[in-house]
């Protein structure tokens, strides 16, 4: 979840690295300062969150709940970008 200052519009995107490029796998494009995404089809690989300011600027709060068992993944596949 991402929460920005009142009056701003930040967009939140989850991307996965596939075939030498980053592709969007989940996104939130609401028109206010609160964004939330969900992704349930996760497979092994490298992921990153991207935050883009559509309107306004300022400090935002970001957090995520990781329900994937990282210990089940091989050591070379554990990555937080």
Protein backbone atom coordinates (compact mmCIF):
# COMPACT_ATOMS: atom_id res chain seq x y z
CA UNK A 1 0.00 0.00 0.00
CA UNK A 2 1.16 3.51 -0.78
CA UNK A 3 -0.20 6.64 0.91
CA UNK A 4 0.80 10.06 -0.36
CA UNK A 5 0.00 13.58 0.83
CA UNK A 6 -3.55 14.89 0.39
CA UNK A 7 -4.17 16.28 -3.08
CA UNK A 8 -1.53 14.12 -4.79
CA UNK A 9 -1.91 11.23 -7.18
CA UNK A 10 0.81 8.61 -7.07
CA UNK A 11 0.53 5.40 -9.09
CA UNK A 12 1.94 2.09 -7.88
CA UNK A 13 3.13 -0.73 -10.10
CA UNK A 14 4.63 -4.19 -9.46
CA UNK A 15 6.97 -5.36 -12.19
CA UNK A 16 8.68 -8.68 -12.92
CA UNK A 17 11.92 -9.16 -14.87
CA UNK A 18 11.12 -11.46 -17.82
CA UNK A 19 13.21 -12.06 -20.94
CA UNK A 20 15.63 -9.21 -20.25
CA UNK A 21 12.91 -6.59 -19.59
CA UNK A 22 10.62 -5.40 -16.79
CA UNK A 23 6.91 -6.05 -17.35
CA UNK A 24 3.98 -4.82 -15.24
CA UNK A 25 2.19 -7.63 -13.43
CA UNK A 26 -0.06 -5.53 -11.18
CA UNK A 27 -0.88 -1.84 -10.98
CA UNK A 28 -3.02 0.71 -9.20
CA UNK A 29 -4.01 3.85 -11.08
CA UNK A 30 -6.54 5.44 -8.72
CA UNK A 31 -6.94 9.20 -8.92
CA UNK A 32 -6.23 9.90 -5.25
CA UNK A 33 -3.29 9.63 -2.85
CA UNK A 34 -3.90 6.01 -1.74
CA UNK A 35 -2.80 3.10 -3.94
CA UNK A 36 -3.07 -0.62 -3.29
CA UNK A 37 -2.23 -3.62 -5.46
CA UNK A 38 -2.56 -7.37 -5.14
CA UNK A 39 -0.71 -10.09 -7.01
CA UNK A 40 -1.58 -13.74 -6.50
CA UNK A 41 0.10 -15.52 -9.43
CA UNK A 42 3.68 -15.05 -8.26
CA UNK A 43 6.34 -17.31 -9.68
CA UNK A 44 10.05 -17.40 -8.98
CA UNK A 45 11.96 -14.43 -10.28
CA UNK A 46 12.93 -10.83 -9.67
CA UNK A 47 10.27 -8.23 -8.81
CA UNK A 48 10.29 -4.50 -8.10
CA UNK A 49 7.80 -1.85 -7.06
CA UNK A 50 7.63 1.38 -9.08
CA UNK A 51 6.08 4.60 -7.78
CA UNK A 52 5.21 7.38 -10.22
CA UNK A 53 3.83 10.81 -9.39
CA UNK A 54 0.94 11.60 -11.69
CA UNK A 55 -0.02 14.82 -9.86
CA UNK A 56 1.80 16.66 -7.09
CA UNK A 57 4.81 15.69 -5.04
CA UNK A 58 5.85 14.97 -1.51
CA UNK A 59 6.79 12.23 0.88
CA UNK A 60 4.80 9.02 0.76
CA UNK A 61 4.53 5.95 2.97
CA UNK A 62 4.97 2.54 1.39
CA UNK A 63 4.64 -0.95 2.79
CA UNK A 64 3.94 -4.44 1.59
CA UNK A 65 2.88 -7.79 2.98
CA UNK A 66 4.91 -10.63 1.59
CA UNK A 67 3.03 -13.89 1.75
CA UNK A 68 5.52 -15.83 -0.39
CA UNK A 69 7.79 -18.23 1.51
CA UNK A 70 11.22 -16.88 0.57
CA UNK A 71 12.92 -19.79 2.33
CA UNK A 72 11.41 -22.12 -0.28
CA UNK A 73 13.19 -20.24 -3.08
CA UNK A 74 16.75 -20.93 -4.11
CA UNK A 75 19.30 -18.43 -2.72
CA UNK A 76 20.08 -16.92 -6.14
CA UNK A 77 16.38 -16.05 -6.62
CA UNK A 78 15.86 -14.01 -3.46
CA UNK A 79 15.72 -10.35 -4.43
CA UNK A 80 14.09 -7.17 -3.26
CA UNK A 81 14.69 -4.26 -5.58
